[in-house]
Amino acid sequence: MLKFEQTGNLDSKCYQDALAIRKQVFIKEQGVAPELEVENEAAAEYFVAYYDGQPAATARVLREEGPSWHVQRVAALPEFRGKGISRALMQVIEQAALKRKIYFLKLGAQDQAQGFYSKLGYQVTGPGFLDAGIAHHQMEKKLH
């Protein structure tokens, strides 16, 4: 069973679960420096997908000028990949954005994840760049 939670409270279990997923995926698996991964925490809102009660995937959003969110730190634990959980999490984020009259989402997609975001309706909007030594492209989606 799939369940979603969101929080802006850094003392919450939801945030701690998000952080644990990010540390596993970005720091341990991808080798991102901890000081680059864990930054601007208080400015974000966190979303976590739970699969059968276990934290499975996460993302965070930062509010920007105008009706826009910057989606960041999208990650799924290896054992939960390929099950549609991250896709469902992104849909939850879109629904939350629309409820708050946010009509534009952008993200810096790792190049290896571009296909995933393209299938969700995101489009590449600029040249490639390196973030934490990993190739990325800016991608955006307008919500209706």
N, C-alpha and C. Protein backbone atom coordinates (compact mmCIF):
# COMPACT_ATOMS: atom_id res chain seq x y z
N MET A 1 0.84 -1.18 0.00
CA MET A 1 0.00 0.00 0.00
C MET A 1 0.89 1.25 0.00
N LEU A 2 0.50 2.23 -0.78
CA LEU A 2 1.27 3.45 -0.94
C LEU A 2 0.60 4.59 -0.19
N LYS A 3 1.40 5.32 0.59
CA LYS A 3 0.89 6.44 1.39
C LYS A 3 1.90 7.58 1.25
N PHE A 4 1.40 8.82 1.31
CA PHE A 4 2.26 9.99 1.16
C PHE A 4 2.10 10.92 2.34
N GLU A 5 3.22 11.52 2.75
CA GLU A 5 3.19 12.54 3.80
C GLU A 5 4.02 13.72 3.34
N GLN A 6 3.70 14.89 3.88
CA GLN A 6 4.51 16.07 3.60
C GLN A 6 4.65 16.89 4.86
N THR A 7 5.78 17.61 4.93
CA THR A 7 6.05 18.41 6.12
C THR A 7 7.05 19.51 5.81
N GLY A 8 7.00 20.55 6.62
CA GLY A 8 8.03 21.58 6.62
C GLY A 8 8.74 21.59 7.96
N ASN A 9 8.38 20.64 8.83
CA ASN A 9 8.90 20.56 10.20
C ASN A 9 10.15 19.66 10.23
N LEU A 10 11.29 20.28 10.51
CA LEU A 10 12.54 19.52 10.52
C LEU A 10 12.67 18.58 11.71
N ASP A 11 11.75 18.67 12.66
CA ASP A 11 11.75 17.76 13.81
C ASP A 11 10.83 16.57 13.60
N SER A 12 10.14 16.52 12.46
CA SER A 12 9.15 15.47 12.23
C SER A 12 9.78 14.16 11.75
N LYS A 13 9.06 13.07 11.95
CA LYS A 13 9.49 11.77 11.44
C LYS A 13 9.53 11.80 9.92
N CYS A 14 8.59 12.47 9.29
CA CYS A 14 8.55 12.57 7.83
C CYS A 14 9.86 13.17 7.31
N TYR A 15 10.31 14.26 7.91
CA TYR A 15 11.57 14.88 7.47
C TYR A 15 12.74 13.93 7.71
N GLN A 16 12.77 13.29 8.86
CA GLN A 16 13.87 12.37 9.17
C GLN A 16 13.90 11.21 8.17
N ASP A 17 12.73 10.73 7.76
CA ASP A 17 12.67 9.67 6.74
C ASP A 17 13.19 10.19 5.40
N ALA A 18 12.81 11.42 5.04
CA ALA A 18 13.30 12.02 3.79
C ALA A 18 14.81 12.13 3.81
N LEU A 19 15.34 12.59 4.91
CA LEU A 19 16.79 12.76 5.05
C LEU A 19 17.51 11.41 4.97
N ALA A 20 16.95 10.39 5.58
CA ALA A 20 17.57 9.06 5.54
C ALA A 20 17.64 8.53 4.11
N ILE A 21 16.57 8.72 3.34
CA ILE A 21 16.56 8.28 1.94
C ILE A 21 17.61 9.05 1.16
N ARG A 22 17.65 10.36 1.33
CA ARG A 22 18.61 11.20 0.60
C ARG A 22 20.05 10.82 0.93
N LYS A 23 20.33 10.57 2.21
CA LYS A 23 21.69 10.17 2.60
C LYS A 23 22.07 8.86 1.94
N GLN A 24 21.16 7.91 1.91
CA GLN A 24 21.44 6.62 1.28
C GLN A 24 21.69 6.78 -0.22
N VAL A 25 20.82 7.51 -0.91
CA VAL A 25 20.91 7.61 -2.37
C VAL A 25 22.01 8.57 -2.81
N PHE A 26 21.98 9.79 -2.30
CA PHE A 26 22.91 10.79 -2.81
C PHE A 26 24.31 10.70 -2.20
N ILE A 27 24.40 10.53 -0.89
CA ILE A 27 25.71 10.52 -0.24
C ILE A 27 26.39 9.16 -0.38
N LYS A 28 25.70 8.08 0.01
CA LYS A 28 26.33 6.76 -0.04
C LYS A 28 26.41 6.21 -1.46
N GLU A 29 25.30 6.25 -2.20
CA GLU A 29 25.27 5.62 -3.52
C GLU A 29 25.97 6.46 -4.59
N GLN A 30 25.72 7.78 -4.58
CA GLN A 30 26.24 8.63 -5.65
C GLN A 30 27.49 9.41 -5.26
N GLY A 31 27.86 9.38 -4.00
CA GLY A 31 29.09 10.01 -3.57
C GLY A 31 29.04 11.53 -3.44
N VAL A 32 27.85 12.09 -3.27
CA VAL A 32 27.72 13.54 -3.09
C VAL A 32 28.22 13.90 -1.69
N ALA A 33 28.97 14.98 -1.59
CA ALA A 33 29.48 15.44 -0.30
C ALA A 33 28.31 15.81 0.62
N PRO A 34 28.34 15.40 1.88
CA PRO A 34 27.23 15.69 2.80
C PRO A 34 26.87 17.17 2.88
N GLU A 35 27.89 18.05 2.85
CA GLU A 35 27.60 19.48 2.97
C GLU A 35 26.90 20.04 1.73
N LEU A 36 27.01 19.36 0.61
CA LEU A 36 26.28 19.77 -0.59
C LEU A 36 24.86 19.20 -0.61
N GLU A 37 24.70 18.04 -0.04
CA GLU A 37 23.38 17.39 -0.04
C GLU A 37 22.45 17.99 1.01
N VAL A 38 22.94 18.23 2.19
CA VAL A 38 22.09 18.70 3.28
C VAL A 38 22.33 20.20 3.45
N GLU A 39 21.52 20.99 2.71
CA GLU A 39 21.62 22.45 2.76
C GLU A 39 20.25 23.06 2.51
N ASN A 40 20.04 24.26 3.01
CA ASN A 40 18.78 24.99 2.85
C ASN A 40 17.58 24.18 3.34
N GLU A 41 17.77 23.39 4.36
CA GLU A 41 16.72 22.48 4.82
C GLU A 41 15.48 23.22 5.33
N ALA A 42 15.67 24.30 6.08
CA ALA A 42 14.53 24.99 6.68
C ALA A 42 13.66 25.70 5.65
N ALA A 43 14.19 25.95 4.47
CA ALA A 43 13.45 26.69 3.44
C ALA A 43 12.55 25.79 2.60
N ALA A 44 12.60 24.49 2.80
CA ALA A 44 11.91 23.55 1.91
C ALA A 44 10.73 22.87 2.58
N GLU A 45 9.90 22.28 1.73
CA GLU A 45 8.82 21.39 2.17
C GLU A 45 9.15 20.01 1.63
N TYR A 46 8.93 18.99 2.44
CA TYR A 46 9.36 17.63 2.13
C TYR A 46 8.17 16.71 1.90
N PHE A 47 8.34 15.84 0.92
CA PHE A 47 7.34 14.83 0.58
C PHE A 47 8.00 13.47 0.69
N VAL A 48 7.29 12.51 1.30
CA VAL A 48 7.81 11.15 1.41
C VAL A 48 6.71 10.18 0.99
N ALA A 49 7.10 9.19 0.17
CA ALA A 49 6.21 8.09 -0.19
C ALA A 49 6.57 6.90 0.69
N TYR A 50 5.55 6.30 1.28
CA TYR A 50 5.74 5.11 2.12
C TYR A 50 5.09 3.93 1.41
N TYR A 51 5.85 2.85 1.30
CA TYR A 51 5.35 1.62 0.67
C TYR A 51 5.24 0.57 1.76
N ASP A 52 4.01 0.12 2.03
CA ASP A 52 3.76 -0.81 3.13
C ASP A 52 4.39 -0.33 4.43
N GLY A 53 4.30 0.97 4.68
CA GLY A 53 4.78 1.56 5.92
C GLY A 53 6.26 1.91 5.94
N GLN A 54 6.99 1.52 4.90
CA GLN A 54 8.43 1.78 4.84
C GLN A 54 8.71 3.02 3.98
N PRO A 55 9.58 3.93 4.44
CA PRO A 55 9.96 5.06 3.61
C PRO A 55 10.60 4.54 2.31
N ALA A 56 10.08 4.99 1.17
CA ALA A 56 10.52 4.45 -0.11
C ALA A 56 11.13 5.51 -1.04
N ALA A 57 10.52 6.69 -1.06
CA ALA A 57 10.98 7.74 -1.99
C ALA A 57 10.69 9.10 -1.36
N THR A 58 11.43 10.09 -1.83
CA THR A 58 11.27 11.44 -1.29
C THR A 58 11.56 12.49 -2.34
N ALA A 59 11.11 13.69 -2.05
CA ALA A 59 11.44 14.88 -2.84
C ALA A 59 11.20 16.08 -1.94
N ARG A 60 11.81 17.20 -2.32
CA ARG A 60 11.53 18.43 -1.59
C ARG A 60 11.24 19.52 -2.61
N VAL A 61 10.52 20.54 -2.15
CA VAL A 61 10.22 21.68 -3.02
C VAL A 61 10.59 22.98 -2.31
N LEU A 62 11.07 23.91 -3.11
CA LEU A 62 11.35 25.26 -2.64
C LEU A 62 10.43 26.21 -3.40
N ARG A 63 9.80 27.10 -2.68
CA ARG A 63 8.94 28.11 -3.31
C ARG A 63 9.83 29.18 -3.93
N GLU A 64 9.49 29.60 -5.13
CA GLU A 64 10.25 30.62 -5.82
C GLU A 64 9.35 31.82 -6.08
N GLU A 65 9.90 32.83 -6.70
CA GLU A 65 9.11 34.01 -7.05
C GLU A 65 7.97 33.60 -7.98
N GLY A 66 6.81 34.19 -7.75
CA GLY A 66 5.66 33.87 -8.60
C GLY A 66 5.10 32.49 -8.28
N PRO A 67 4.23 32.00 -9.14
CA PRO A 67 3.59 30.70 -8.90
C PRO A 67 4.47 29.54 -9.34
N SER A 68 5.64 29.39 -8.69
CA SER A 68 6.62 28.41 -9.13
C SER A 68 7.23 27.66 -7.95
N TRP A 69 7.46 26.36 -8.14
CA TRP A 69 8.19 25.54 -7.18
C TRP A 69 9.41 24.96 -7.88
N HIS A 70 10.50 24.84 -7.12
CA HIS A 70 11.70 24.15 -7.60
C HIS A 70 11.73 22.80 -6.89
N VAL A 71 11.54 21.73 -7.65
CA VAL A 71 11.55 20.37 -7.11
C VAL A 71 13.00 19.91 -7.03
N GLN A 72 13.39 19.37 -5.88
CA GLN A 72 14.76 18.94 -5.66
C GLN A 72 14.80 17.62 -4.91
N ARG A 73 16.00 17.04 -4.90
CA ARG A 73 16.31 15.88 -4.05
C ARG A 73 15.31 14.73 -4.23
N VAL A 74 14.91 14.49 -5.47
CA VAL A 74 14.02 13.37 -5.77
C VAL A 74 14.85 12.09 -5.71
N ALA A 75 14.44 11.17 -4.87
CA ALA A 75 15.22 9.95 -4.68
C ALA A 75 14.32 8.80 -4.23
N ALA A 76 14.66 7.61 -4.70
CA ALA A 76 13.99 6.39 -4.25
C ALA A 76 15.06 5.39 -3.81
N LEU A 77 14.79 4.69 -2.74
CA LEU A 77 15.71 3.64 -2.31
C LEU A 77 15.75 2.53 -3.37
N PRO A 78 16.91 1.90 -3.54
CA PRO A 78 17.06 0.92 -4.62
C PRO A 78 15.98 -0.16 -4.67
N GLU A 79 15.59 -0.66 -3.52
CA GLU A 79 14.61 -1.76 -3.49
C GLU A 79 13.20 -1.32 -3.91
N PHE A 80 12.98 -0.01 -4.01
CA PHE A 80 11.65 0.49 -4.39
C PHE A 80 11.62 1.08 -5.80
N ARG A 81 12.73 1.04 -6.50
CA ARG A 81 12.78 1.59 -7.85
C ARG A 81 12.05 0.68 -8.83
N GLY A 82 11.48 1.30 -9.86
CA GLY A 82 10.79 0.54 -10.90
C GLY A 82 9.40 0.10 -10.52
N LYS A 83 8.85 0.60 -9.43
CA LYS A 83 7.52 0.22 -8.97
C LYS A 83 6.49 1.34 -9.17
N GLY A 84 6.90 2.46 -9.79
CA GLY A 84 5.97 3.57 -10.02
C GLY A 84 5.82 4.49 -8.81
N ILE A 85 6.61 4.28 -7.77
CA ILE A 85 6.47 5.07 -6.54
C ILE A 85 6.92 6.51 -6.77
N SER A 86 8.04 6.71 -7.43
CA SER A 86 8.52 8.08 -7.69
C SER A 86 7.56 8.83 -8.62
N ARG A 87 7.03 8.13 -9.60
CA ARG A 87 6.03 8.76 -10.49
C ARG A 87 4.82 9.21 -9.67
N ALA A 88 4.33 8.35 -8.80
CA ALA A 88 3.19 8.70 -7.96
C ALA A 88 3.53 9.87 -7.03
N LEU A 89 4.75 9.88 -6.50
CA LEU A 89 5.19 10.98 -5.63
C LEU A 89 5.19 12.30 -6.40
N MET A 90 5.68 12.28 -7.62
CA MET A 90 5.68 13.50 -8.44
C MET A 90 4.25 13.98 -8.72
N GLN A 91 3.33 13.06 -8.90
CA GLN A 91 1.93 13.43 -9.10
C GLN A 91 1.34 14.06 -7.84
N VAL A 92 1.72 13.54 -6.68
CA VAL A 92 1.28 14.13 -5.41
C VAL A 92 1.81 15.56 -5.29
N ILE A 93 3.06 15.77 -5.67
CA ILE A 93 3.63 17.12 -5.63
C ILE A 93 2.87 18.05 -6.57
N GLU A 94 2.53 17.58 -7.76
CA GLU A 94 1.77 18.40 -8.70
C GLU A 94 0.40 18.76 -8.13
N GLN A 95 -0.27 17.80 -7.51
CA GLN A 95 -1.57 18.07 -6.91
C GLN A 95 -1.46 19.10 -5.78
N ALA A 96 -0.43 18.96 -4.95
CA ALA A 96 -0.20 19.91 -3.86
C ALA A 96 0.09 21.30 -4.41
N ALA A 97 0.85 21.36 -5.50
CA ALA A 97 1.16 22.64 -6.13
C ALA A 97 -0.11 23.31 -6.63
N LEU A 98 -0.94 22.56 -7.33
CA LEU A 98 -2.17 23.15 -7.88
C LEU A 98 -3.11 23.65 -6.77
N LYS A 99 -3.18 22.93 -5.65
CA LYS A 99 -4.01 23.37 -4.53
C LYS A 99 -3.54 24.71 -3.99
N ARG A 100 -2.24 24.98 -4.13
CA ARG A 100 -1.68 26.25 -3.64
C ARG A 100 -1.51 27.28 -4.76
N LYS A 101 -2.13 27.00 -5.90
CA LYS A 101 -2.07 27.90 -7.06
C LYS A 101 -0.64 28.08 -7.58
N ILE A 102 0.11 26.99 -7.52
CA ILE A 102 1.44 26.93 -8.13
C ILE A 102 1.26 26.25 -9.48
N TYR A 103 1.64 26.95 -10.55
CA TYR A 103 1.37 26.43 -11.89
C TYR A 103 2.62 26.11 -12.70
N PHE A 104 3.77 26.17 -12.06
CA PHE A 104 5.01 25.97 -12.80
C PHE A 104 6.00 25.23 -11.91
N LEU A 105 6.52 24.11 -12.39
CA LEU A 105 7.51 23.34 -11.66
C LEU A 105 8.80 23.28 -12.48
N LYS A 106 9.92 23.41 -11.79
CA LYS A 106 11.20 23.24 -12.47
C LYS A 106 12.10 22.38 -11.60
N LEU A 107 13.08 21.78 -12.23
CA LEU A 107 14.01 20.93 -11.50
C LEU A 107 15.30 20.80 -12.29
N GLY A 108 16.35 20.47 -11.58
CA GLY A 108 17.63 20.13 -12.20
C GLY A 108 17.72 18.62 -12.23
N ALA A 109 17.48 18.04 -13.39
CA ALA A 109 17.43 16.58 -13.51
C ALA A 109 18.82 16.01 -13.80
N GLN A 110 19.21 14.99 -13.05
CA GLN A 110 20.41 14.27 -13.43
C GLN A 110 20.17 13.70 -14.83
N ASP A 111 21.20 13.75 -15.66
CA ASP A 111 21.03 13.31 -17.04
C ASP A 111 20.48 11.88 -17.12
N GLN A 112 20.90 11.00 -16.23
CA GLN A 112 20.41 9.63 -16.25
C GLN A 112 18.92 9.52 -15.90
N ALA A 113 18.33 10.59 -15.36
CA ALA A 113 16.91 10.58 -14.99
C ALA A 113 16.04 11.39 -15.95
N GLN A 114 16.62 11.95 -16.99
CA GLN A 114 15.84 12.78 -17.91
C GLN A 114 14.65 12.05 -18.52
N GLY A 115 14.84 10.79 -18.88
CA GLY A 115 13.74 10.02 -19.47
C GLY A 115 12.55 9.92 -18.53
N PHE A 116 12.83 9.71 -17.25
CA PHE A 116 11.77 9.64 -16.24
C PHE A 116 10.96 10.93 -16.22
N TYR A 117 11.65 12.06 -16.17
CA TYR A 117 10.95 13.35 -16.10
C TYR A 117 10.25 13.69 -17.42
N SER A 118 10.85 13.31 -18.54
CA SER A 118 10.22 13.56 -19.84
C SER A 118 8.87 12.85 -19.92
N LYS A 119 8.81 11.61 -19.42
CA LYS A 119 7.55 10.85 -19.43
C LYS A 119 6.48 11.52 -18.56
N LEU A 120 6.92 12.34 -17.60
CA LEU A 120 5.97 13.06 -16.73
C LEU A 120 5.59 14.42 -17.31
N GLY A 121 6.13 14.76 -18.48
CA GLY A 121 5.76 16.01 -19.13
C GLY A 121 6.74 17.15 -18.94
N TYR A 122 7.90 16.89 -18.36
CA TYR A 122 8.92 17.92 -18.20
C TYR A 122 9.71 18.05 -19.50
N GLN A 123 10.19 19.26 -19.78
CA GLN A 123 10.98 19.51 -20.97
C GLN A 123 12.30 20.15 -20.58
N VAL A 124 13.37 19.75 -21.27
CA VAL A 124 14.68 20.35 -21.06
C VAL A 124 14.62 21.80 -21.52
N THR A 125 15.16 22.72 -20.71
CA THR A 125 15.05 24.14 -21.03
C THR A 125 16.39 24.86 -21.12
N GLY A 126 17.49 24.15 -21.01
CA GLY A 126 18.76 24.85 -21.08
C GLY A 126 19.92 23.89 -21.25
N PRO A 127 21.12 24.45 -21.32
CA PRO A 127 22.31 23.62 -21.49
C PRO A 127 22.60 22.80 -20.25
N GLY A 128 23.42 21.77 -20.43
CA GLY A 128 23.79 20.93 -19.31
C GLY A 128 24.68 21.65 -18.32
N PHE A 129 24.72 21.14 -17.10
CA PHE A 129 25.57 21.70 -16.05
C PHE A 129 25.93 20.59 -15.08
N LEU A 130 26.97 20.83 -14.30
CA LEU A 130 27.37 19.89 -13.26
C LEU A 130 26.87 20.38 -11.90
N ASP A 131 26.30 19.49 -11.14
CA ASP A 131 25.90 19.77 -9.76
C ASP A 131 26.47 18.63 -8.93
N ALA A 132 27.29 18.95 -7.97
CA ALA A 132 27.97 17.94 -7.13
C ALA A 132 28.72 16.94 -8.00
N GLY A 133 29.25 17.42 -9.14
CA GLY A 133 30.02 16.57 -10.03
C GLY A 133 29.19 15.64 -10.91
N ILE A 134 27.86 15.81 -10.90
CA ILE A 134 26.96 14.95 -11.67
C ILE A 134 26.31 15.79 -12.76
N ALA A 135 26.28 15.26 -14.00
CA ALA A 135 25.69 15.97 -15.14
C ALA A 135 24.18 16.12 -14.97
N HIS A 136 23.69 17.35 -15.18
CA HIS A 136 22.27 17.69 -15.03
C HIS A 136 21.82 18.55 -16.22
N HIS A 137 20.50 18.65 -16.36
CA HIS A 137 19.87 19.62 -17.25
C HIS A 137 18.67 20.21 -16.52
N GLN A 138 18.44 21.49 -16.74
CA GLN A 138 17.25 22.14 -16.20
C GLN A 138 16.04 21.63 -16.97
N MET A 139 14.98 21.27 -16.26
CA MET A 139 13.73 20.83 -16.89
C MET A 139 12.58 21.57 -16.23
N GLU A 140 11.51 21.78 -17.00
CA GLU A 140 10.37 22.53 -16.50
C GLU A 140 9.07 21.89 -16.97
N LYS A 141 8.01 22.16 -16.20
CA LYS A 141 6.67 21.69 -16.56
C LYS A 141 5.66 22.74 -16.13
N LYS A 142 4.77 23.06 -17.04
CA LYS A 142 3.66 23.96 -16.72
C LYS A 142 2.46 23.09 -16.34
N LEU A 143 1.87 23.39 -15.21
CA LEU A 143 0.70 22.64 -14.74
C LEU A 143 -0.58 23.32 -15.23
N HIS A 144 -1.59 22.51 -15.49
CA HIS A 144 -2.86 23.07 -15.99
C HIS A 144 -3.94 22.95 -14.95
